[in-house]
Amino acid sequence: DFHHSVEDIGIVLGEAFRSALGDRKGIARFADRLIP
């Protein structure tokens, strides 16, 4: 089924953001949006 592919891409995308953001210096950090 598609479960392993979808979940594992979530894992890798999360790790990519963790790596790319580093110490997160300067980021806004919080956000919220409502989208129709």
PDB file of all heavy atoms in Angstrom:
ATOM      1  N   ASP A   1       0.872  -1.173   0.000  1.00  0.00           N
ATOM      2  CA  ASP A   1       0.000   0.000   0.000  1.00  0.00           C
ATOM      3  C   ASP A   1       0.907   1.222   0.000  1.00  0.00           C
ATOM      4  O   ASP A   1       2.116   1.103  -0.182  1.00  0.00           O
ATOM      5  CB  ASP A   1      -1.010  -0.013   1.154  1.00  0.00           C
ATOM      6  CG  ASP A   1      -0.385   0.163   2.543  1.00  0.00           C
ATOM      7  OD1 ASP A   1       0.816   0.485   2.635  1.00  0.00           O
ATOM      8  OD2 ASP A   1      -1.105  -0.016   3.536  1.00  0.00           O
ATOM      9  N   PHE A   2       0.333   2.409   0.196  1.00  0.00           N
ATOM     10  CA  PHE A   2       1.112   3.640   0.101  1.00  0.00           C
ATOM     11  C   PHE A   2       1.676   4.098   1.439  1.00  0.00           C
ATOM     12  O   PHE A   2       2.400   5.092   1.516  1.00  0.00           O
ATOM     13  CB  PHE A   2       0.262   4.764  -0.494  1.00  0.00           C
ATOM     14  CG  PHE A   2      -0.247   4.492  -1.881  1.00  0.00           C
ATOM     15  CD1 PHE A   2      -1.468   5.009  -2.288  1.00  0.00           C
ATOM     16  CD2 PHE A   2       0.483   3.732  -2.780  1.00  0.00           C
ATOM     17  CE1 PHE A   2      -1.946   4.777  -3.564  1.00  0.00           C
ATOM     18  CE2 PHE A   2       0.013   3.494  -4.058  1.00  0.00           C
ATOM     19  CZ  PHE A   2      -1.204   4.019  -4.456  1.00  0.00           C
ATOM     20  N   HIS A   3       1.340   3.401   2.521  1.00  0.00           N
ATOM     21  CA  HIS A   3       1.681   3.851   3.873  1.00  0.00           C
ATOM     22  C   HIS A   3       3.177   4.102   4.067  1.00  0.00           C
ATOM     23  O   HIS A   3       3.575   5.175   4.529  1.00  0.00           O
ATOM     24  CB  HIS A   3       1.186   2.824   4.896  1.00  0.00           C
ATOM     25  CG  HIS A   3       1.389   3.246   6.311  1.00  0.00           C
ATOM     26  ND1 HIS A   3       0.360   3.670   7.116  1.00  0.00           N
ATOM     27  CD2 HIS A   3       2.513   3.345   7.076  1.00  0.00           C
ATOM     28  CE1 HIS A   3       0.831   3.996   8.296  1.00  0.00           C
ATOM     29  NE2 HIS A   3       2.130   3.806   8.304  1.00  0.00           N
ATOM     30  N   HIS A   4       4.005   3.128   3.733  1.00  0.00           N
ATOM     31  CA  HIS A   4       5.441   3.266   3.998  1.00  0.00           C
ATOM     32  C   HIS A   4       6.048   4.429   3.220  1.00  0.00           C
ATOM     33  O   HIS A   4       6.872   5.178   3.762  1.00  0.00           O
ATOM     34  CB  HIS A   4       6.185   1.964   3.666  1.00  0.00           C
ATOM     35  CG  HIS A   4       5.734   0.811   4.507  1.00  0.00           C
ATOM     36  ND1 HIS A   4       5.574  -0.458   3.998  1.00  0.00           N
ATOM     37  CD2 HIS A   4       5.391   0.730   5.814  1.00  0.00           C
ATOM     38  CE1 HIS A   4       5.167  -1.261   4.955  1.00  0.00           C
ATOM     39  NE2 HIS A   4       5.048  -0.572   6.071  1.00  0.00           N
ATOM     40  N   SER A   5       5.647   4.596   1.973  1.00  0.00           N
ATOM     41  CA  SER A   5       6.198   5.694   1.163  1.00  0.00           C
ATOM     42  C   SER A   5       5.815   7.044   1.743  1.00  0.00           C
ATOM     43  O   SER A   5       6.659   7.932   1.896  1.00  0.00           O
ATOM     44  CB  SER A   5       5.714   5.581  -0.285  1.00  0.00           C
ATOM     45  OG  SER A   5       6.241   4.421  -0.894  1.00  0.00           O
ATOM     46  N   VAL A   6       4.545   7.217   2.078  1.00  0.00           N
ATOM     47  CA  VAL A   6       4.065   8.501   2.592  1.00  0.00           C
ATOM     48  C   VAL A   6       4.712   8.818   3.941  1.00  0.00           C
ATOM     49  O   VAL A   6       5.218   9.928   4.160  1.00  0.00           O
ATOM     50  CB  VAL A   6       2.522   8.492   2.696  1.00  0.00           C
ATOM     51  CG1 VAL A   6       2.014   9.738   3.412  1.00  0.00           C
ATOM     52  CG2 VAL A   6       1.901   8.385   1.300  1.00  0.00           C
ATOM     53  N   GLU A   7       4.717   7.858   4.853  1.00  0.00           N
ATOM     54  CA  GLU A   7       5.307   8.079   6.177  1.00  0.00           C
ATOM     55  C   GLU A   7       6.807   8.352   6.085  1.00  0.00           C
ATOM     56  O   GLU A   7       7.321   9.278   6.725  1.00  0.00           O
ATOM     57  CB  GLU A   7       5.055   6.860   7.062  1.00  0.00           C
ATOM     58  CG  GLU A   7       5.599   7.019   8.466  1.00  0.00           C
ATOM     59  CD  GLU A   7       5.306   5.813   9.329  1.00  0.00           C
ATOM     60  OE1 GLU A   7       5.391   4.670   8.825  1.00  0.00           O
ATOM     61  OE2 GLU A   7       4.990   6.014  10.508  1.00  0.00           O
ATOM     62  N   ASP A   8       7.511   7.576   5.281  1.00  0.00           N
ATOM     63  CA  ASP A   8       8.966   7.749   5.195  1.00  0.00           C
ATOM     64  C   ASP A   8       9.351   9.069   4.530  1.00  0.00           C
ATOM     65  O   ASP A   8      10.359   9.678   4.885  1.00  0.00           O
ATOM     66  CB  ASP A   8       9.609   6.561   4.476  1.00  0.00           C
ATOM     67  CG  ASP A   8       9.627   5.303   5.339  1.00  0.00           C
ATOM     68  OD1 ASP A   8       9.044   5.314   6.440  1.00  0.00           O
ATOM     69  OD2 ASP A   8      10.219   4.299   4.898  1.00  0.00           O
ATOM     70  N   ILE A   9       8.554   9.536   3.586  1.00  0.00           N
ATOM     71  CA  ILE A   9       8.810  10.866   3.009  1.00  0.00           C
ATOM     72  C   ILE A   9       8.607  11.928   4.085  1.00  0.00           C
ATOM     73  O   ILE A   9       9.373  12.900   4.162  1.00  0.00           O
ATOM     74  CB  ILE A   9       7.935  11.116   1.762  1.00  0.00           C
ATOM     75  CG1 ILE A   9       8.427  10.225   0.608  1.00  0.00           C
ATOM     76  CG2 ILE A   9       7.959  12.598   1.367  1.00  0.00           C
ATOM     77  CD1 ILE A   9       7.505  10.192  -0.596  1.00  0.00           C
ATOM     78  N   GLY A  10       7.617  11.747   4.947  1.00  0.00           N
ATOM     79  CA  GLY A  10       7.440  12.665   6.077  1.00  0.00           C
ATOM     80  C   GLY A  10       8.657  12.689   6.977  1.00  0.00           C
ATOM     81  O   GLY A  10       9.089  13.756   7.435  1.00  0.00           O
ATOM     82  N   ILE A  11       9.227  11.513   7.237  1.00  0.00           N
ATOM     83  CA  ILE A  11      10.441  11.422   8.053  1.00  0.00           C
ATOM     84  C   ILE A  11      11.581  12.208   7.413  1.00  0.00           C
ATOM     85  O   ILE A  11      12.231  13.046   8.057  1.00  0.00           O
ATOM     86  CB  ILE A  11      10.862   9.952   8.256  1.00  0.00           C
ATOM     87  CG1 ILE A  11       9.866   9.231   9.174  1.00  0.00           C
ATOM     88  CG2 ILE A  11      12.291   9.847   8.804  1.00  0.00           C
ATOM     89  CD1 ILE A  11      10.053   7.717   9.219  1.00  0.00           C
ATOM     90  N   VAL A  12      11.823  11.959   6.138  1.00  0.00           N
ATOM     91  CA  VAL A  12      12.955  12.585   5.449  1.00  0.00           C
ATOM     92  C   VAL A  12      12.736  14.085   5.273  1.00  0.00           C
ATOM     93  O   VAL A  12      13.670  14.882   5.443  1.00  0.00           O
ATOM     94  CB  VAL A  12      13.247  11.882   4.106  1.00  0.00           C
ATOM     95  CG1 VAL A  12      14.400  12.551   3.379  1.00  0.00           C
ATOM     96  CG2 VAL A  12      13.567  10.402   4.335  1.00  0.00           C
ATOM     97  N   LEU A  13      11.507  14.503   4.959  1.00  0.00           N
ATOM     98  CA  LEU A  13      11.251  15.941   4.827  1.00  0.00           C
ATOM     99  C   LEU A  13      11.442  16.632   6.174  1.00  0.00           C
ATOM    100  O   LEU A  13      12.017  17.727   6.243  1.00  0.00           O
ATOM    101  CB  LEU A  13       9.841  16.188   4.290  1.00  0.00           C
ATOM    102  CG  LEU A  13       9.490  17.649   4.010  1.00  0.00           C
ATOM    103  CD1 LEU A  13      10.435  18.262   2.974  1.00  0.00           C
ATOM    104  CD2 LEU A  13       8.038  17.762   3.553  1.00  0.00           C
ATOM    105  N   GLY A  14      10.998  16.010   7.249  1.00  0.00           N
ATOM    106  CA  GLY A  14      11.224  16.581   8.582  1.00  0.00           C
ATOM    107  C   GLY A  14      12.699  16.714   8.891  1.00  0.00           C
ATOM    108  O   GLY A  14      13.158  17.757   9.381  1.00  0.00           O
ATOM    109  N   GLU A  15      13.476  15.671   8.599  1.00  0.00           N
ATOM    110  CA  GLU A  15      14.923  15.720   8.828  1.00  0.00           C
ATOM    111  C   GLU A  15      15.580  16.792   7.967  1.00  0.00           C
ATOM    112  O   GLU A  15      16.521  17.465   8.404  1.00  0.00           O
ATOM    113  CB  GLU A  15      15.544  14.353   8.557  1.00  0.00           C
ATOM    114  CG  GLU A  15      15.167  13.312   9.599  1.00  0.00           C
ATOM    115  CD  GLU A  15      15.660  11.905   9.255  1.00  0.00           C
ATOM    116  OE1 GLU A  15      16.108  11.664   8.109  1.00  0.00           O
ATOM    117  OE2 GLU A  15      15.580  11.041  10.145  1.00  0.00           O
ATOM    118  N   ALA A  16      15.079  16.973   6.735  1.00  0.00           N
ATOM    119  CA  ALA A  16      15.635  17.999   5.850  1.00  0.00           C
ATOM    120  C   ALA A  16      15.404  19.395   6.436  1.00  0.00           C
ATOM    121  O   ALA A  16      16.306  20.238   6.431  1.00  0.00           O
ATOM    122  CB  ALA A  16      15.016  17.890   4.453  1.00  0.00           C
ATOM    123  N   PHE A  17      14.200  19.649   6.958  1.00  0.00           N
ATOM    124  CA  PHE A  17      13.944  20.947   7.587  1.00  0.00           C
ATOM    125  C   PHE A  17      14.808  21.131   8.821  1.00  0.00           C
ATOM    126  O   PHE A  17      15.376  22.204   9.028  1.00  0.00           O
ATOM    127  CB  PHE A  17      12.463  21.103   7.937  1.00  0.00           C
ATOM    128  CG  PHE A  17      11.675  21.741   6.830  1.00  0.00           C
ATOM    129  CD1 PHE A  17      10.940  20.957   5.967  1.00  0.00           C
ATOM    130  CD2 PHE A  17      11.695  23.111   6.645  1.00  0.00           C
ATOM    131  CE1 PHE A  17      10.215  21.530   4.929  1.00  0.00           C
ATOM    132  CE2 PHE A  17      10.976  23.698   5.607  1.00  0.00           C
ATOM    133  CZ  PHE A  17      10.235  22.903   4.747  1.00  0.00           C
ATOM    134  N   ARG A  18      14.937  20.102   9.634  1.00  0.00           N
ATOM    135  CA  ARG A  18      15.777  20.211  10.839  1.00  0.00           C
ATOM    136  C   ARG A  18      17.210  20.593  10.446  1.00  0.00           C
ATOM    137  O   ARG A  18      17.827  21.462  11.059  1.00  0.00           O
ATOM    138  CB  ARG A  18      15.779  18.901  11.618  1.00  0.00           C
ATOM    139  CG  ARG A  18      16.576  18.998  12.922  1.00  0.00           C
ATOM    140  CD  ARG A  18      16.592  17.689  13.687  1.00  0.00           C
ATOM    141  NE  ARG A  18      15.336  17.333  14.287  1.00  0.00           N
ATOM    142  CZ  ARG A  18      14.889  17.773  15.464  1.00  0.00           C
ATOM    143  NH1 ARG A  18      15.615  18.613  16.174  1.00  0.00           N
ATOM    144  NH2 ARG A  18      13.728  17.374  15.931  1.00  0.00           N
ATOM    145  N   SER A  19      17.724  19.941   9.416  1.00  0.00           N
ATOM    146  CA  SER A  19      19.092  20.213   8.965  1.00  0.00           C
ATOM    147  C   SER A  19      19.208  21.612   8.351  1.00  0.00           C
ATOM    148  O   SER A  19      20.127  22.368   8.673  1.00  0.00           O
ATOM    149  CB  SER A  19      19.507  19.140   7.946  1.00  0.00           C
ATOM    150  OG  SER A  19      20.757  19.435   7.393  1.00  0.00           O
ATOM    151  N   ALA A  20      18.276  21.959   7.461  1.00  0.00           N
ATOM    152  CA  ALA A  20      18.362  23.237   6.744  1.00  0.00           C
ATOM    153  C   ALA A  20      18.177  24.435   7.674  1.00  0.00           C
ATOM    154  O   ALA A  20      18.769  25.493   7.455  1.00  0.00           O
ATOM    155  CB  ALA A  20      17.335  23.278   5.619  1.00  0.00           C
ATOM    156  N   LEU A  21      17.383  24.278   8.725  1.00  0.00           N
ATOM    157  CA  LEU A  21      17.147  25.389   9.652  1.00  0.00           C
ATOM    158  C   LEU A  21      18.259  25.562  10.681  1.00  0.00           C
ATOM    159  O   LEU A  21      18.362  26.620  11.301  1.00  0.00           O
ATOM    160  CB  LEU A  21      15.803  25.210  10.371  1.00  0.00           C
ATOM    161  CG  LEU A  21      14.565  25.421   9.505  1.00  0.00           C
ATOM    162  CD1 LEU A  21      13.300  25.050  10.269  1.00  0.00           C
ATOM    163  CD2 LEU A  21      14.487  26.859   9.001  1.00  0.00           C
ATOM    164  N   GLY A  22      19.082  24.540  10.864  1.00  0.00           N
ATOM    165  CA  GLY A  22      20.205  24.654  11.795  1.00  0.00           C
ATOM    166  C   GLY A  22      19.751  25.043  13.188  1.00  0.00           C
ATOM    167  O   GLY A  22      18.851  24.427  13.753  1.00  0.00           O
ATOM    168  N   ASP A  23      20.340  26.109  13.749  1.00  0.00           N
ATOM    169  CA  ASP A  23      19.968  26.536  15.102  1.00  0.00           C
ATOM    170  C   ASP A  23      18.696  27.382  15.116  1.00  0.00           C
ATOM    171  O   ASP A  23      18.244  27.828  16.165  1.00  0.00           O
ATOM    172  CB  ASP A  23      21.112  27.287  15.776  1.00  0.00           C
ATOM    173  CG  ASP A  23      21.445  28.612  15.103  1.00  0.00           C
ATOM    174  OD1 ASP A  23      20.744  29.030  14.150  1.00  0.00           O
ATOM    175  OD2 ASP A  23      22.422  29.238  15.526  1.00  0.00           O
ATOM    176  N   ARG A  24      18.122  27.610  13.952  1.00  0.00           N
ATOM    177  CA  ARG A  24      16.854  28.345  13.770  1.00  0.00           C
ATOM    178  C   ARG A  24      16.965  29.824  14.121  1.00  0.00           C
ATOM    179  O   ARG A  24      15.962  30.507  14.331  1.00  0.00           O
ATOM    180  CB  ARG A  24      15.707  27.665  14.517  1.00  0.00           C
ATOM    181  CG  ARG A  24      15.560  26.217  14.068  1.00  0.00           C
ATOM    182  CD  ARG A  24      14.435  25.478  14.706  1.00  0.00           C
ATOM    183  NE  ARG A  24      14.618  24.038  14.441  1.00  0.00           N
ATOM    184  CZ  ARG A  24      13.643  23.180  14.326  1.00  0.00           C
ATOM    185  NH1 ARG A  24      12.403  23.554  14.440  1.00  0.00           N
ATOM    186  NH2 ARG A  24      13.906  21.907  14.095  1.00  0.00           N
ATOM    187  N   LYS A  25      18.186  30.313  14.148  1.00  0.00           N
ATOM    188  CA  LYS A  25      18.419  31.725  14.464  1.00  0.00           C
ATOM    189  C   LYS A  25      17.668  32.619  13.478  1.00  0.00           C
ATOM    190  O   LYS A  25      17.762  32.447  12.260  1.00  0.00           O
ATOM    191  CB  LYS A  25      19.915  32.038  14.406  1.00  0.00           C
ATOM    192  CG  LYS A  25      20.253  33.458  14.780  1.00  0.00           C
ATOM    193  CD  LYS A  25      21.741  33.695  14.786  1.00  0.00           C
ATOM    194  CE  LYS A  25      22.061  35.113  15.200  1.00  0.00           C
ATOM    195  NZ  LYS A  25      23.508  35.349  15.175  1.00  0.00           N
ATOM    196  N   GLY A  26      16.921  33.572  14.036  1.00  0.00           N
ATOM    197  CA  GLY A  26      16.275  34.597  13.239  1.00  0.00           C
ATOM    198  C   GLY A  26      14.907  34.257  12.679  1.00  0.00           C
ATOM    199  O   GLY A  26      14.222  35.137  12.162  1.00  0.00           O
ATOM    200  N   ILE A  27      14.494  32.988  12.745  1.00  0.00           N
ATOM    201  CA  ILE A  27      13.214  32.633  12.113  1.00  0.00           C
ATOM    202  C   ILE A  27      12.033  33.187  12.912  1.00  0.00           C
ATOM    203  O   ILE A  27      12.129  33.418  14.122  1.00  0.00           O
ATOM    204  CB  ILE A  27      13.055  31.107  11.919  1.00  0.00           C
ATOM    205  CG1 ILE A  27      12.952  30.367  13.251  1.00  0.00           C
ATOM    206  CG2 ILE A  27      14.157  30.562  11.022  1.00  0.00           C
ATOM    207  CD1 ILE A  27      12.503  28.908  13.114  1.00  0.00           C
ATOM    208  N   ALA A  28      10.925  33.361  12.236  1.00  0.00           N
ATOM    209  CA  ALA A  28       9.705  33.829  12.895  1.00  0.00           C
ATOM    210  C   ALA A  28       9.200  32.788  13.899  1.00  0.00           C
ATOM    211  O   ALA A  28       8.645  33.130  14.920  1.00  0.00           O
ATOM    212  CB  ALA A  28       8.627  34.132  11.859  1.00  0.00           C
ATOM    213  N   ARG A  29       9.381  31.531  13.594  1.00  0.00           N
ATOM    214  CA  ARG A  29       9.057  30.379  14.430  1.00  0.00           C
ATOM    215  C   ARG A  29       7.571  30.011  14.432  1.00  0.00           C
ATOM    216  O   ARG A  29       7.224  28.882  14.220  1.00  0.00           O
ATOM    217  CB  ARG A  29       9.546  30.579  15.858  1.00  0.00           C
ATOM    218  CG  ARG A  29       9.229  29.408  16.773  1.00  0.00           C
ATOM    219  CD  ARG A  29       9.795  29.583  18.159  1.00  0.00           C
ATOM    220  NE  ARG A  29       9.137  28.704  19.098  1.00  0.00           N
ATOM    221  CZ  ARG A  29       9.422  28.613  20.370  1.00  0.00           C
ATOM    222  NH1 ARG A  29      10.381  29.360  20.885  1.00  0.00           N
ATOM    223  NH2 ARG A  29       8.753  27.791  21.149  1.00  0.00           N
ATOM    224  N   PHE A  30       6.682  30.958  14.689  1.00  0.00           N
ATOM    225  CA  PHE A  30       5.250  30.682  14.788  1.00  0.00           C
ATOM    226  C   PHE A  30       4.524  31.164  13.537  1.00  0.00           C
ATOM    227  O   PHE A  30       4.894  32.176  12.953  1.00  0.00           O
ATOM    228  CB  PHE A  30       4.634  31.414  15.979  1.00  0.00           C
ATOM    229  CG  PHE A  30       5.274  31.087  17.293  1.00  0.00           C
ATOM    230  CD1 PHE A  30       6.197  31.950  17.863  1.00  0.00           C
ATOM    231  CD2 PHE A  30       4.965  29.915  17.961  1.00  0.00           C
ATOM    232  CE1 PHE A  30       6.789  31.663  19.076  1.00  0.00           C
ATOM    233  CE2 PHE A  30       5.551  29.611  19.186  1.00  0.00           C
ATOM    234  CZ  PHE A  30       6.470  30.487  19.739  1.00  0.00           C
ATOM    235  N   ALA A  31       3.464  30.446  13.173  1.00  0.00           N
ATOM    236  CA  ALA A  31       2.630  30.896  12.059  1.00  0.00           C
ATOM    237  C   ALA A  31       1.287  30.185  12.118  1.00  0.00           C
ATOM    238  O   ALA A  31       1.179  29.090  12.679  1.00  0.00           O
ATOM    239  CB  ALA A  31       3.316  30.612  10.716  1.00  0.00           C
ATOM    240  N   ASP A  32       0.280  30.834  11.546  1.00  0.00           N
ATOM    241  CA  ASP A  32      -1.009  30.177  11.380  1.00  0.00           C
ATOM    242  C   ASP A  32      -1.679  30.716  10.128  1.00  0.00           C
ATOM    243  O   ASP A  32      -1.470  31.874   9.749  1.00  0.00           O
ATOM    244  CB  ASP A  32      -1.904  30.359  12.608  1.00  0.00           C
ATOM    245  CG  ASP A  32      -2.379  31.786  12.770  1.00  0.00           C
ATOM    246  OD1 ASP A  32      -1.590  32.618  13.272  1.00  0.00           O
ATOM    247  OD2 ASP A  32      -3.524  32.076  12.396  1.00  0.00           O
ATOM    248  N   ARG A  33      -2.437  29.858   9.490  1.00  0.00           N
ATOM    249  CA  ARG A  33      -3.142  30.230   8.264  1.00  0.00           C
ATOM    250  C   ARG A  33      -4.471  29.500   8.182  1.00  0.00           C
ATOM    251  O   ARG A  33      -4.591  28.357   8.596  1.00  0.00           O
ATOM    252  CB  ARG A  33      -2.328  29.858   7.024  1.00  0.00           C
ATOM    253  CG  ARG A  33      -1.127  30.731   6.731  1.00  0.00           C
ATOM    254  CD  ARG A  33      -1.558  32.168   6.385  1.00  0.00           C
ATOM    255  NE  ARG A  33      -0.428  32.961   5.983  1.00  0.00           N
ATOM    256  CZ  ARG A  33      -0.199  33.344   4.724  1.00  0.00           C
ATOM    257  NH1 ARG A  33      -1.025  33.000   3.761  1.00  0.00           N
ATOM    258  NH2 ARG A  33       0.863  34.066   4.434  1.00  0.00           N
ATOM    259  N   LEU A  34      -5.448  30.167   7.599  1.00  0.00           N
ATOM    260  CA  LEU A  34      -6.726  29.570   7.264  1.00  0.00           C
ATOM    261  C   LEU A  34      -6.858  29.661   5.752  1.00  0.00           C
ATOM    262  O   LEU A  34      -6.752  30.761   5.197  1.00  0.00           O
ATOM    263  CB  LEU A  34      -7.859  30.330   7.953  1.00  0.00           C
ATOM    264  CG  LEU A  34      -9.226  29.682   7.881  1.00  0.00           C
ATOM    265  CD1 LEU A  34     -10.069  30.129   9.064  1.00  0.00           C
ATOM    266  CD2 LEU A  34      -9.951  29.968   6.596  1.00  0.00           C
ATOM    267  N   ILE A  35      -7.028  28.524   5.111  1.00  0.00           N
ATOM    268  CA  ILE A  35      -7.071  28.484   3.647  1.00  0.00           C
ATOM    269  C   ILE A  35      -8.357  27.818   3.177  1.00  0.00           C
ATOM    270  O   ILE A  35      -8.660  26.687   3.565  1.00  0.00           O
ATOM    271  CB  ILE A  35      -5.856  27.710   3.083  1.00  0.00           C
ATOM    272  CG1 ILE A  35      -4.538  28.390   3.481  1.00  0.00           C
ATOM    273  CG2 ILE A  35      -5.971  27.533   1.573  1.00  0.00           C
ATOM    274  CD1 ILE A  35      -4.258  29.716   2.818  1.00  0.00           C
ATOM    275  N   PRO A  36      -9.121  28.507   2.306  1.00  0.00           N
ATOM    276  CA  PRO A  36     -10.280  27.868   1.699  1.00  0.00           C
ATOM    277  C   PRO A  36      -9.880  27.143   0.420  1.00  0.00           C
ATOM    278  O   PRO A  36      -8.918  27.519  -0.239  1.00  0.00           O
ATOM    279  CB  PRO A  36     -11.190  29.052   1.376  1.00  0.00           C
ATOM    280  CG  PRO A  36     -10.233  30.185   1.100  1.00  0.00           C
ATOM    281  CD  PRO A  36      -9.035  29.936   1.979  1.00  0.00           C
TER     282      PRO A  36
END
